[in-house]
Amino acid sequence: MSNELATIMANSPDIVGTGVDDDTRAVAGASRGSKRLSLDGGVFRKIVAGKEVGAIEDRHMNIIFVKMAHDPSRQFYNSVYQKGVKTSPVCWSSDSKMPDEDVKAPLAPSCDKCEKSVKGSGNGGVGTACRMSWRTAVVLPNDPAGDVLQFVIPSTSSFGAEDNGRWPFRPYVQMLANNNVSAGRVITKMQFDTKSSVPRVLFNPAGAVPTHEVPIIMAQGKSNAAEKAVELTVFQSDEAAAPAQEAVPEGLRDVPRDSVDAEPVLREADKPAAGEVKDVSDVLKKWSKKK
């Protein structure tokens, strides 16, 4: 950052609050300012423009969901994941129902008829070859008007059964809905499942979003950053005969491709345990800065 811009921002902080418009983002490159939350290596990491800028060593942290894709997405790769190596999805679906229209060679007319989405089609007969994930946008409870972070939740953290008052993502949201509570009205605690061999998080309510912050959360959910965070975007190669070329999606770098993909099991979630939910601690102070 230039000294001049730093001075301008200090004297007029409101210019930052307005965010980056579509024209500026298009010329700068959409990925330059992208911000996301990663589970890589079993550690909560903040990634900006592809670089790690902070990490929380704790096994848990608190977030607020400001926007969620209405359906999980799917992507199939015909190569084995190698960290740091760019590969491309051969087929993909934004709603896990039908291949997207821009897929050059769909593997099946619908996801439920595709052999790659069948349980046992993964490496070694484990999980599914076509990977499922859920795209969300979150903010930190102690800075609700701050950065909107993309958080792509792997299927291993999206589906499954309740575990001692903690839920995978889909059952967690179902539990909230069963109690007439919107996900954006609660502070959500997520913590790593220490029994899992791959990075997996479970969720539970940790507190209520203060009433005066609800309009902020609603505005964040309508922001361009939130809209982009829940979209499945796949760069397509100019070569018609070649599969689409894209780096492994940010949210899917966090789990080895040969890890177990949990088969979606939809059920009515249990209601939260009785007792008053306590407030959360200051998460922002726990970010360890990278030098």
C-alpha atoms as a PDB file:
ATOM      1  CA  MET A   1       0.000   0.000   0.000  1.00  0.00           C
ATOM      2  CA  SER A   2       1.289   3.463  -0.861  1.00  0.00           C
ATOM      3  CA  ASN A   3       1.807   6.056   1.854  1.00  0.00           C
ATOM      4  CA  GLU A   4      -0.624   8.345   0.060  1.00  0.00           C
ATOM      5  CA  LEU A   5      -3.402   5.748   0.082  1.00  0.00           C
ATOM      6  CA  ALA A   6      -2.731   4.945   3.733  1.00  0.00           C
ATOM      7  CA  THR A   7      -3.147   8.623   4.603  1.00  0.00           C
ATOM      8  CA  ILE A   8      -6.348   8.916   2.569  1.00  0.00           C
ATOM      9  CA  MET A   9      -7.804   5.793   4.215  1.00  0.00           C
ATOM     10  CA  ALA A  10      -6.891   7.082   7.671  1.00  0.00           C
ATOM     11  CA  ASN A  11      -8.560  10.431   7.021  1.00  0.00           C
ATOM     12  CA  SER A  12     -11.582   8.964   5.202  1.00  0.00           C
ATOM     13  CA  PRO A  13     -12.223   5.449   6.564  1.00  0.00           C
ATOM     14  CA  ASP A  14     -15.668   5.391   4.951  1.00  0.00           C
ATOM     15  CA  ILE A  15     -14.125   4.773   1.515  1.00  0.00           C
ATOM     16  CA  VAL A  16     -13.114   1.305   2.707  1.00  0.00           C
ATOM     17  CA  GLY A  17     -16.541   0.518   4.099  1.00  0.00           C
ATOM     18  CA  THR A  18     -18.124   0.877   0.687  1.00  0.00           C
ATOM     19  CA  GLY A  19     -16.132  -2.089  -0.608  1.00  0.00           C
ATOM     20  CA  VAL A  20     -14.808  -2.753  -4.100  1.00  0.00           C
ATOM     21  CA  ASP A  21     -17.213  -2.216  -6.996  1.00  0.00           C
ATOM     22  CA  ASP A  22     -17.621  -4.574  -9.941  1.00  0.00           C
ATOM     23  CA  ASP A  23     -15.523  -2.458 -12.345  1.00  0.00           C
ATOM     24  CA  THR A  24     -12.565  -2.233  -9.956  1.00  0.00           C
ATOM     25  CA  ARG A  25     -12.782  -5.930  -9.160  1.00  0.00           C
ATOM     26  CA  ALA A  26     -12.955  -6.887 -12.844  1.00  0.00           C
ATOM     27  CA  VAL A  27      -9.853  -4.903 -13.807  1.00  0.00           C
ATOM     28  CA  ALA A  28      -7.885  -5.914 -10.693  1.00  0.00           C
ATOM     29  CA  GLY A  29      -8.788  -9.560 -11.120  1.00  0.00           C
ATOM     30  CA  ALA A  30     -11.480 -11.278  -9.078  1.00  0.00           C
ATOM     31  CA  SER A  31      -8.999 -13.478  -7.206  1.00  0.00           C
ATOM     32  CA  ARG A  32      -6.744 -10.672  -5.975  1.00  0.00           C
ATOM     33  CA  GLY A  33      -8.957  -9.666  -3.094  1.00  0.00           C
ATOM     34  CA  SER A  34     -10.660 -12.983  -2.418  1.00  0.00           C
ATOM     35  CA  LYS A  35     -10.808 -13.904   1.241  1.00  0.00           C
ATOM     36  CA  ARG A  36     -11.589 -17.321   2.611  1.00  0.00           C
ATOM     37  CA  LEU A  37     -11.463 -19.510   5.667  1.00  0.00           C
ATOM     38  CA  SER A  38      -9.486 -22.742   5.314  1.00  0.00           C
ATOM     39  CA  LEU A  39      -9.238 -25.954   7.343  1.00  0.00           C
ATOM     40  CA  ASP A  40      -5.915 -26.959   5.802  1.00  0.00           C
ATOM     41  CA  GLY A  41      -3.823 -29.154   8.072  1.00  0.00           C
ATOM     42  CA  GLY A  42      -6.472 -29.178  10.786  1.00  0.00           C
ATOM     43  CA  VAL A  43      -5.916 -25.483  11.537  1.00  0.00           C
ATOM     44  CA  PHE A  44      -8.265 -22.551  10.969  1.00  0.00           C
ATOM     45  CA  ARG A  45      -6.495 -20.318   8.460  1.00  0.00           C
ATOM     46  CA  LYS A  46      -7.402 -16.966   6.914  1.00  0.00           C
ATOM     47  CA  ILE A  47      -6.407 -16.804   3.244  1.00  0.00           C
ATOM     48  CA  VAL A  48      -6.330 -13.566   1.256  1.00  0.00           C
ATOM     49  CA  ALA A  49      -5.621 -13.629  -2.481  1.00  0.00           C
ATOM     50  CA  GLY A  50      -4.249 -17.146  -2.142  1.00  0.00           C
ATOM     51  CA  LYS A  51      -1.842 -16.342   0.700  1.00  0.00           C
ATOM     52  CA  GLU A  52      -2.214 -17.216   4.363  1.00  0.00           C
ATOM     53  CA  VAL A  53      -2.374 -14.077   6.504  1.00  0.00           C
ATOM     54  CA  GLY A  54      -3.331 -15.564   9.840  1.00  0.00           C
ATOM     55  CA  ALA A  55      -4.138 -18.747  11.728  1.00  0.00           C
ATOM     56  CA  ILE A  56      -5.835 -19.816  14.944  1.00  0.00           C
ATOM     57  CA  GLU A  57      -4.151 -22.648  16.794  1.00  0.00           C
ATOM     58  CA  ASP A  58      -7.259 -23.327  18.902  1.00  0.00           C
ATOM     59  CA  ARG A  59      -9.324 -26.362  17.952  1.00  0.00           C
ATOM     60  CA  HIS A  60     -12.456 -24.211  17.750  1.00  0.00           C
ATOM     61  CA  MET A  61     -13.553 -20.781  16.564  1.00  0.00           C
ATOM     62  CA  ASN A  62     -16.775 -18.790  16.217  1.00  0.00           C
ATOM     63  CA  ILE A  63     -18.404 -17.529  13.043  1.00  0.00           C
ATOM     64  CA  ILE A  64     -21.686 -16.092  11.788  1.00  0.00           C
ATOM     65  CA  PHE A  65     -23.170 -17.459   8.576  1.00  0.00           C
ATOM     66  CA  VAL A  66     -24.302 -14.513   6.440  1.00  0.00           C
ATOM     67  CA  LYS A  67     -25.132 -16.472   3.279  1.00  0.00           C
ATOM     68  CA  MET A  68     -25.303 -20.123   2.242  1.00  0.00           C
ATOM     69  CA  ALA A  69     -25.735 -21.843  -1.097  1.00  0.00           C
ATOM     70  CA  HIS A  70     -29.171 -23.475  -1.141  1.00  0.00           C
ATOM     71  CA  ASP A  71     -27.703 -26.741  -2.390  1.00  0.00           C
ATOM     72  CA  PRO A  72     -24.324 -28.470  -2.167  1.00  0.00           C
ATOM     73  CA  SER A  73     -22.158 -28.537  -5.285  1.00  0.00           C
ATOM     74  CA  ARG A  74     -20.273 -31.405  -6.921  1.00  0.00           C
ATOM     75  CA  GLN A  75     -16.997 -31.670  -8.815  1.00  0.00           C
ATOM     76  CA  PHE A  76     -15.332 -34.691 -10.359  1.00  0.00           C
ATOM     77  CA  TYR A  77     -11.586 -34.886 -11.073  1.00  0.00           C
ATOM     78  CA  ASN A  78     -10.018 -37.659 -13.118  1.00  0.00           C
ATOM     79  CA  SER A  79      -6.611 -37.213 -11.474  1.00  0.00           C
ATOM     80  CA  VAL A  80      -5.297 -37.849  -7.988  1.00  0.00           C
ATOM     81  CA  TYR A  81      -4.907 -34.751  -5.834  1.00  0.00           C
ATOM     82  CA  GLN A  82      -1.345 -33.500  -5.382  1.00  0.00           C
ATOM     83  CA  LYS A  83      -0.784 -30.523  -3.141  1.00  0.00           C
ATOM     84  CA  GLY A  84       0.465 -27.516  -5.082  1.00  0.00           C
ATOM     85  CA  VAL A  85      -0.372 -29.065  -8.462  1.00  0.00           C
ATOM     86  CA  LYS A  86      -3.143 -27.446 -10.508  1.00  0.00           C
ATOM     87  CA  THR A  87      -5.705 -29.865 -11.841  1.00  0.00           C
ATOM     88  CA  SER A  88      -9.095 -29.486 -13.478  1.00  0.00           C
ATOM     89  CA  PRO A  89     -12.605 -30.798 -12.842  1.00  0.00           C
ATOM     90  CA  VAL A  90     -13.994 -32.870 -15.689  1.00  0.00           C
ATOM     91  CA  CYS A  91     -17.616 -32.478 -14.643  1.00  0.00           C
ATOM     92  CA  TRP A  92     -19.359 -30.288 -12.077  1.00  0.00           C
ATOM     93  CA  SER A  93     -22.764 -29.303 -10.749  1.00  0.00           C
ATOM     94  CA  SER A  94     -23.837 -26.187  -8.849  1.00  0.00           C
ATOM     95  CA  ASP A  95     -26.792 -27.947  -7.237  1.00  0.00           C
ATOM     96  CA  SER A  96     -25.657 -31.608  -7.083  1.00  0.00           C
ATOM     97  CA  LYS A  97     -28.633 -32.498  -9.296  1.00  0.00           C
ATOM     98  CA  MET A  98     -27.661 -31.795 -12.892  1.00  0.00           C
ATOM     99  CA  PRO A  99     -24.314 -31.051 -14.586  1.00  0.00           C
ATOM    100  CA  ASP A 100     -23.954 -27.314 -15.237  1.00  0.00           C
ATOM    101  CA  GLU A 101     -24.768 -26.139 -18.753  1.00  0.00           C
ATOM    102  CA  ASP A 102     -21.153 -25.154 -19.426  1.00  0.00           C
ATOM    103  CA  VAL A 103     -19.805 -28.672 -18.800  1.00  0.00           C
ATOM    104  CA  LYS A 104     -18.426 -29.740 -22.189  1.00  0.00           C
ATOM    105  CA  ALA A 105     -18.844 -33.500 -21.690  1.00  0.00           C
ATOM    106  CA  PRO A 106     -21.258 -34.363 -18.839  1.00  0.00           C
ATOM    107  CA  LEU A 107     -20.642 -37.785 -17.356  1.00  0.00           C
ATOM    108  CA  ALA A 108     -24.367 -38.411 -16.928  1.00  0.00           C
ATOM    109  CA  PRO A 109     -27.667 -36.614 -17.545  1.00  0.00           C
ATOM    110  CA  SER A 110     -28.147 -36.157 -13.811  1.00  0.00           C
ATOM    111  CA  CYS A 111     -25.998 -36.580 -10.719  1.00  0.00           C
ATOM    112  CA  ASP A 112     -28.192 -39.307  -9.259  1.00  0.00           C
ATOM    113  CA  LYS A 113     -27.619 -41.399 -12.386  1.00  0.00           C
ATOM    114  CA  CYS A 114     -23.841 -40.893 -12.467  1.00  0.00           C
ATOM    115  CA  GLU A 115     -21.605 -43.785 -11.475  1.00  0.00           C
ATOM    116  CA  LYS A 116     -19.094 -41.314 -10.015  1.00  0.00           C
ATOM    117  CA  SER A 117     -21.581 -40.194  -7.355  1.00  0.00           C
ATOM    118  CA  VAL A 118     -22.310 -43.724  -6.137  1.00  0.00           C
ATOM    119  CA  LYS A 119     -20.984 -44.668  -2.717  1.00  0.00           C
ATOM    120  CA  GLY A 120     -17.879 -46.800  -3.133  1.00  0.00           C
ATOM    121  CA  SER A 121     -16.781 -45.142  -6.372  1.00  0.00           C
ATOM    122  CA  GLY A 122     -13.955 -43.270  -4.632  1.00  0.00           C
ATOM    123  CA  ASN A 123     -10.317 -44.359  -4.417  1.00  0.00           C
ATOM    124  CA  GLY A 124     -10.039 -47.823  -2.949  1.00  0.00           C
ATOM    125  CA  GLY A 125     -13.819 -48.195  -2.983  1.00  0.00           C
ATOM    126  CA  VAL A 126     -14.214 -45.571  -0.277  1.00  0.00           C
ATOM    127  CA  GLY A 127     -16.621 -42.618  -0.489  1.00  0.00           C
ATOM    128  CA  THR A 128     -17.667 -41.154  -3.839  1.00  0.00           C
ATOM    129  CA  ALA A 129     -15.438 -40.213  -6.762  1.00  0.00           C
ATOM    130  CA  CYS A 130     -17.456 -37.047  -7.398  1.00  0.00           C
ATOM    131  CA  ARG A 131     -16.819 -34.754  -4.471  1.00  0.00           C
ATOM    132  CA  MET A 132     -19.549 -32.793  -2.767  1.00  0.00           C
ATOM    133  CA  SER A 133     -19.113 -29.569  -0.780  1.00  0.00           C
ATOM    134  CA  TRP A 134     -21.218 -26.705   0.548  1.00  0.00           C
ATOM    135  CA  ARG A 135     -20.326 -23.068  -0.179  1.00  0.00           C
ATOM    136  CA  THR A 136     -21.014 -20.468   2.501  1.00  0.00           C
ATOM    137  CA  ALA A 137     -20.061 -16.915   3.447  1.00  0.00           C
ATOM    138  CA  VAL A 138     -19.167 -16.057   7.043  1.00  0.00           C
ATOM    139  CA  VAL A 139     -18.014 -13.144   9.202  1.00  0.00           C
ATOM    140  CA  LEU A 140     -16.313 -13.106  12.577  1.00  0.00           C
ATOM    141  CA  PRO A 141     -18.579 -12.302  15.564  1.00  0.00           C
ATOM    142  CA  ASN A 142     -16.308  -9.558  16.894  1.00  0.00           C
ATOM    143  CA  ASP A 143     -16.086  -7.847  13.516  1.00  0.00           C
ATOM    144  CA  PRO A 144     -19.468  -8.414  11.833  1.00  0.00           C
ATOM    145  CA  ALA A 145     -18.975  -5.466   9.471  1.00  0.00           C
ATOM    146  CA  GLY A 146     -15.486  -6.671   8.497  1.00  0.00           C
ATOM    147  CA  ASP A 147     -14.293  -9.165   5.903  1.00  0.00           C
ATOM    148  CA  VAL A 148     -16.765 -11.603   4.406  1.00  0.00           C
ATOM    149  CA  LEU A 149     -14.918 -14.915   4.160  1.00  0.00           C
ATOM    150  CA  GLN A 150     -15.742 -17.726   1.790  1.00  0.00           C
ATOM    151  CA  PHE A 151     -15.995 -21.003   3.682  1.00  0.00           C
ATOM    152  CA  VAL A 152     -16.355 -24.117   1.511  1.00  0.00           C
ATOM    153  CA  ILE A 153     -17.433 -26.954   3.769  1.00  0.00           C
ATOM    154  CA  PRO A 154     -16.328 -30.436   2.637  1.00  0.00           C
ATOM    155  CA  SER A 155     -18.915 -33.199   2.561  1.00  0.00           C
ATOM    156  CA  THR A 156     -17.271 -34.845   5.557  1.00  0.00           C
ATOM    157  CA  SER A 157     -18.284 -31.761   7.571  1.00  0.00           C
ATOM    158  CA  SER A 158     -21.631 -31.290   5.829  1.00  0.00           C
ATOM    159  CA  PHE A 159     -23.450 -34.574   6.439  1.00  0.00           C
ATOM    160  CA  GLY A 160     -23.740 -37.112   9.189  1.00  0.00           C
ATOM    161  CA  ALA A 161     -25.205 -37.629  12.628  1.00  0.00           C
ATOM    162  CA  GLU A 162     -25.296 -35.406  15.699  1.00  0.00           C
ATOM    163  CA  ASP A 163     -22.387 -36.004  18.068  1.00  0.00           C
ATOM    164  CA  ASN A 164     -22.854 -34.989  21.680  1.00  0.00           C
ATOM    165  CA  GLY A 165     -24.547 -31.669  20.938  1.00  0.00           C
ATOM    166  CA  ARG A 166     -22.541 -30.949  17.788  1.00  0.00           C
ATOM    167  CA  TRP A 167     -23.742 -31.352  14.219  1.00  0.00           C
ATOM    168  CA  PRO A 168     -22.349 -31.490  10.688  1.00  0.00           C
ATOM    169  CA  PHE A 169     -23.405 -28.442   8.667  1.00  0.00           C
ATOM    170  CA  ARG A 170     -26.665 -29.625   7.047  1.00  0.00           C
ATOM    171  CA  PRO A 171     -28.105 -31.292  10.186  1.00  0.00           C
ATOM    172  CA  TYR A 172     -27.011 -28.214  12.181  1.00  0.00           C
ATOM    173  CA  VAL A 173     -28.999 -25.875   9.940  1.00  0.00           C
ATOM    174  CA  GLN A 174     -31.928 -28.298  10.052  1.00  0.00           C
ATOM    175  CA  MET A 175     -31.807 -28.253  13.846  1.00  0.00           C
ATOM    176  CA  LEU A 176     -31.917 -24.440  13.832  1.00  0.00           C
ATOM    177  CA  ALA A 177     -34.836 -24.442  11.381  1.00  0.00           C
ATOM    178  CA  ASN A 178     -36.737 -26.961  13.504  1.00  0.00           C
ATOM    179  CA  ASN A 179     -36.491 -24.451  16.331  1.00  0.00           C
ATOM    180  CA  ASN A 180     -37.535 -21.479  14.131  1.00  0.00           C
ATOM    181  CA  VAL A 181     -34.067 -19.928  14.274  1.00  0.00           C
ATOM    182  CA  SER A 182     -32.241 -18.552  11.217  1.00  0.00           C
ATOM    183  CA  ALA A 183     -28.557 -19.410  10.879  1.00  0.00           C
ATOM    184  CA  GLY A 184     -27.695 -15.712  10.566  1.00  0.00           C
ATOM    185  CA  ARG A 185     -29.216 -14.918  13.947  1.00  0.00           C
ATOM    186  CA  VAL A 186     -26.836 -17.089  15.982  1.00  0.00           C
ATOM    187  CA  ILE A 187     -23.125 -17.138  16.599  1.00  0.00           C
ATOM    188  CA  THR A 188     -21.948 -20.579  15.546  1.00  0.00           C
ATOM    189  CA  LYS A 189     -19.099 -22.441  17.199  1.00  0.00           C
ATOM    190  CA  MET A 190     -17.216 -24.846  14.975  1.00  0.00           C
ATOM    191  CA  GLN A 191     -14.621 -27.241  16.252  1.00  0.00           C
ATOM    192  CA  PHE A 192     -12.473 -29.949  14.802  1.00  0.00           C
ATOM    193  CA  ASP A 193     -13.611 -33.517  15.258  1.00  0.00           C
ATOM    194  CA  THR A 194     -10.627 -35.087  16.984  1.00  0.00           C
ATOM    195  CA  LYS A 195     -11.881 -38.573  16.096  1.00  0.00           C
ATOM    196  CA  SER A 196     -11.617 -37.908  12.360  1.00  0.00           C
ATOM    197  CA  SER A 197      -8.495 -38.811  10.381  1.00  0.00           C
ATOM    198  CA  VAL A 198      -9.067 -35.849   8.004  1.00  0.00           C
ATOM    199  CA  PRO A 199      -9.847 -32.221   8.891  1.00  0.00           C
ATOM    200  CA  ARG A 200     -13.535 -32.298   9.850  1.00  0.00           C
ATOM    201  CA  VAL A 201     -15.522 -29.718  11.791  1.00  0.00           C
ATOM    202  CA  LEU A 202     -18.801 -29.912  13.674  1.00  0.00           C
ATOM    203  CA  PHE A 203     -21.104 -27.029  14.593  1.00  0.00           C
ATOM    204  CA  ASN A 204     -23.217 -25.886  17.532  1.00  0.00           C
ATOM    205  CA  PRO A 205     -24.829 -22.600  18.642  1.00  0.00           C
ATOM    206  CA  ALA A 206     -22.648 -20.447  20.900  1.00  0.00           C
ATOM    207  CA  GLY A 207     -24.730 -17.297  21.365  1.00  0.00           C
ATOM    208  CA  ALA A 208     -27.231 -14.913  19.837  1.00  0.00           C
ATOM    209  CA  VAL A 209     -26.276 -12.199  17.371  1.00  0.00           C
ATOM    210  CA  PRO A 210     -26.958  -8.892  19.184  1.00  0.00           C
ATOM    211  CA  THR A 211     -30.134  -7.243  17.930  1.00  0.00           C
ATOM    212  CA  HIS A 212     -28.325  -4.090  16.841  1.00  0.00           C
ATOM    213  CA  GLU A 213     -25.980  -6.163  14.650  1.00  0.00           C
ATOM    214  CA  VAL A 214     -28.729  -8.004  12.766  1.00  0.00           C
ATOM    215  CA  PRO A 215     -29.008  -5.278  10.059  1.00  0.00           C
ATOM    216  CA  ILE A 216     -25.231  -5.536   9.569  1.00  0.00           C
ATOM    217  CA  ILE A 217     -25.440  -9.299   9.091  1.00  0.00           C
ATOM    218  CA  MET A 218     -28.307  -8.892   6.628  1.00  0.00           C
ATOM    219  CA  ALA A 219     -26.350  -6.298   4.635  1.00  0.00           C
ATOM    220  CA  GLN A 220     -23.264  -8.531   4.590  1.00  0.00           C
ATOM    221  CA  GLY A 221     -25.384 -11.368   3.219  1.00  0.00           C
ATOM    222  CA  LYS A 222     -26.415  -9.162   0.281  1.00  0.00           C
ATOM    223  CA  SER A 223     -22.871  -7.985  -0.454  1.00  0.00           C
ATOM    224  CA  ASN A 224     -21.014  -8.850  -3.638  1.00  0.00           C
ATOM    225  CA  ALA A 225     -18.443 -10.762  -1.598  1.00  0.00           C
ATOM    226  CA  ALA A 226     -21.137 -12.990  -0.101  1.00  0.00           C
ATOM    227  CA  GLU A 227     -22.764 -13.590  -3.472  1.00  0.00           C
ATOM    228  CA  LYS A 228     -19.431 -14.606  -4.997  1.00  0.00           C
ATOM    229  CA  ALA A 229     -18.569 -16.800  -2.021  1.00  0.00           C
ATOM    230  CA  VAL A 230     -21.539 -19.121  -2.560  1.00  0.00           C
ATOM    231  CA  GLU A 231     -21.192 -19.397  -6.345  1.00  0.00           C
ATOM    232  CA  LEU A 232     -19.476 -22.360  -7.987  1.00  0.00           C
ATOM    233  CA  THR A 233     -17.181 -20.833 -10.599  1.00  0.00           C
ATOM    234  CA  VAL A 234     -15.116 -23.037 -12.882  1.00  0.00           C
ATOM    235  CA  PHE A 235     -12.687 -21.664 -15.458  1.00  0.00           C
ATOM    236  CA  GLN A 236     -13.075 -23.423 -18.785  1.00  0.00           C
ATOM    237  CA  SER A 237     -10.243 -24.131 -21.184  1.00  0.00           C
ATOM    238  CA  ASP A 238     -10.312 -22.536 -24.635  1.00  0.00           C
ATOM    239  CA  GLU A 239      -9.519 -25.951 -26.087  1.00  0.00           C
ATOM    240  CA  ALA A 240     -12.852 -27.579 -26.836  1.00  0.00           C
ATOM    241  CA  ALA A 241     -11.473 -31.107 -26.625  1.00  0.00           C
ATOM    242  CA  ALA A 242      -9.763 -30.590 -23.295  1.00  0.00           C
ATOM    243  CA  PRO A 243     -11.475 -30.654 -19.905  1.00  0.00           C
ATOM    244  CA  ALA A 244     -11.940 -27.361 -18.095  1.00  0.00           C
ATOM    245  CA  GLN A 245      -8.709 -26.080 -16.609  1.00  0.00           C
ATOM    246  CA  GLU A 246      -8.838 -24.749 -13.082  1.00  0.00           C
ATOM    247  CA  ALA A 247      -6.771 -24.894  -9.953  1.00  0.00           C
ATOM    248  CA  VAL A 248      -8.262 -27.206  -7.332  1.00  0.00           C
ATOM    249  CA  PRO A 249     -11.047 -25.041  -5.826  1.00  0.00           C
ATOM    250  CA  GLU A 250      -9.910 -23.210  -2.724  1.00  0.00           C
ATOM    251  CA  GLY A 251     -12.360 -24.894  -0.397  1.00  0.00           C
ATOM    252  CA  LEU A 252     -11.415 -28.361  -1.605  1.00  0.00           C
ATOM    253  CA  ARG A 253      -7.657 -28.009  -1.098  1.00  0.00           C
ATOM    254  CA  ASP A 254      -8.186 -28.560   2.606  1.00  0.00           C
ATOM    255  CA  VAL A 255      -9.044 -32.273   2.372  1.00  0.00           C
ATOM    256  CA  PRO A 256      -7.023 -34.889   0.453  1.00  0.00           C
ATOM    257  CA  ARG A 257      -8.995 -36.060  -2.578  1.00  0.00           C
ATOM    258  CA  ASP A 258      -8.747 -39.673  -1.503  1.00  0.00           C
ATOM    259  CA  SER A 259     -10.273 -38.958   1.906  1.00  0.00           C
ATOM    260  CA  VAL A 260     -13.671 -40.363   2.791  1.00  0.00           C
ATOM    261  CA  ASP A 261     -16.586 -38.457   1.280  1.00  0.00           C
ATOM    262  CA  ALA A 262     -19.494 -38.866   3.655  1.00  0.00           C
ATOM    263  CA  GLU A 263     -22.628 -40.093   1.960  1.00  0.00           C
ATOM    264  CA  PRO A 264     -25.431 -37.562   2.539  1.00  0.00           C
ATOM    265  CA  VAL A 265     -27.782 -38.846   5.236  1.00  0.00           C
ATOM    266  CA  LEU A 266     -30.690 -36.482   5.728  1.00  0.00           C
ATOM    267  CA  ARG A 267     -32.636 -36.820   8.943  1.00  0.00           C
ATOM    268  CA  GLU A 268     -34.488 -34.644  11.372  1.00  0.00           C
ATOM    269  CA  ALA A 269     -31.930 -33.201  13.715  1.00  0.00           C
ATOM    270  CA  ASP A 270     -32.278 -33.280  17.471  1.00  0.00           C
ATOM    271  CA  LYS A 271     -33.160 -30.131  19.324  1.00  0.00           C
ATOM    272  CA  PRO A 272     -30.376 -28.299  21.165  1.00  0.00           C
ATOM    273  CA  ALA A 273     -29.629 -29.320  24.704  1.00  0.00           C
ATOM    274  CA  ALA A 274     -31.330 -27.320  27.435  1.00  0.00           C
ATOM    275  CA  GLY A 275     -29.352 -24.588  29.099  1.00  0.00           C
ATOM    276  CA  GLU A 276     -28.327 -21.065  28.451  1.00  0.00           C
ATOM    277  CA  VAL A 277     -25.803 -20.484  25.647  1.00  0.00           C
ATOM    278  CA  LYS A 278     -22.833 -18.388  26.670  1.00  0.00           C
ATOM    279  CA  ASP A 279     -21.234 -15.524  24.841  1.00  0.00           C
ATOM    280  CA  VAL A 280     -18.121 -16.035  22.751  1.00  0.00           C
ATOM    281  CA  SER A 281     -14.615 -14.775  23.364  1.00  0.00           C
ATOM    282  CA  ASP A 282     -12.743 -12.314  21.211  1.00  0.00           C
ATOM    283  CA  VAL A 283     -11.810 -14.381  18.143  1.00  0.00           C
ATOM    284  CA  LEU A 284      -9.980 -11.619  16.336  1.00  0.00           C
ATOM    285  CA  LYS A 285      -7.263 -11.449  18.984  1.00  0.00           C
ATOM    286  CA  LYS A 286      -6.416 -15.085  18.354  1.00  0.00           C
ATOM    287  CA  TRP A 287      -5.296 -14.623  14.768  1.00  0.00           C
ATOM    288  CA  SER A 288      -1.544 -15.170  14.699  1.00  0.00           C
ATOM    289  CA  LYS A 289      -0.010 -12.808  12.127  1.00  0.00           C
ATOM    290  CA  LYS A 290       2.280 -14.096   9.407  1.00  0.00           C
ATOM    291  CA  LYS A 291       5.593 -12.347   9.016  1.00  0.00           C
END
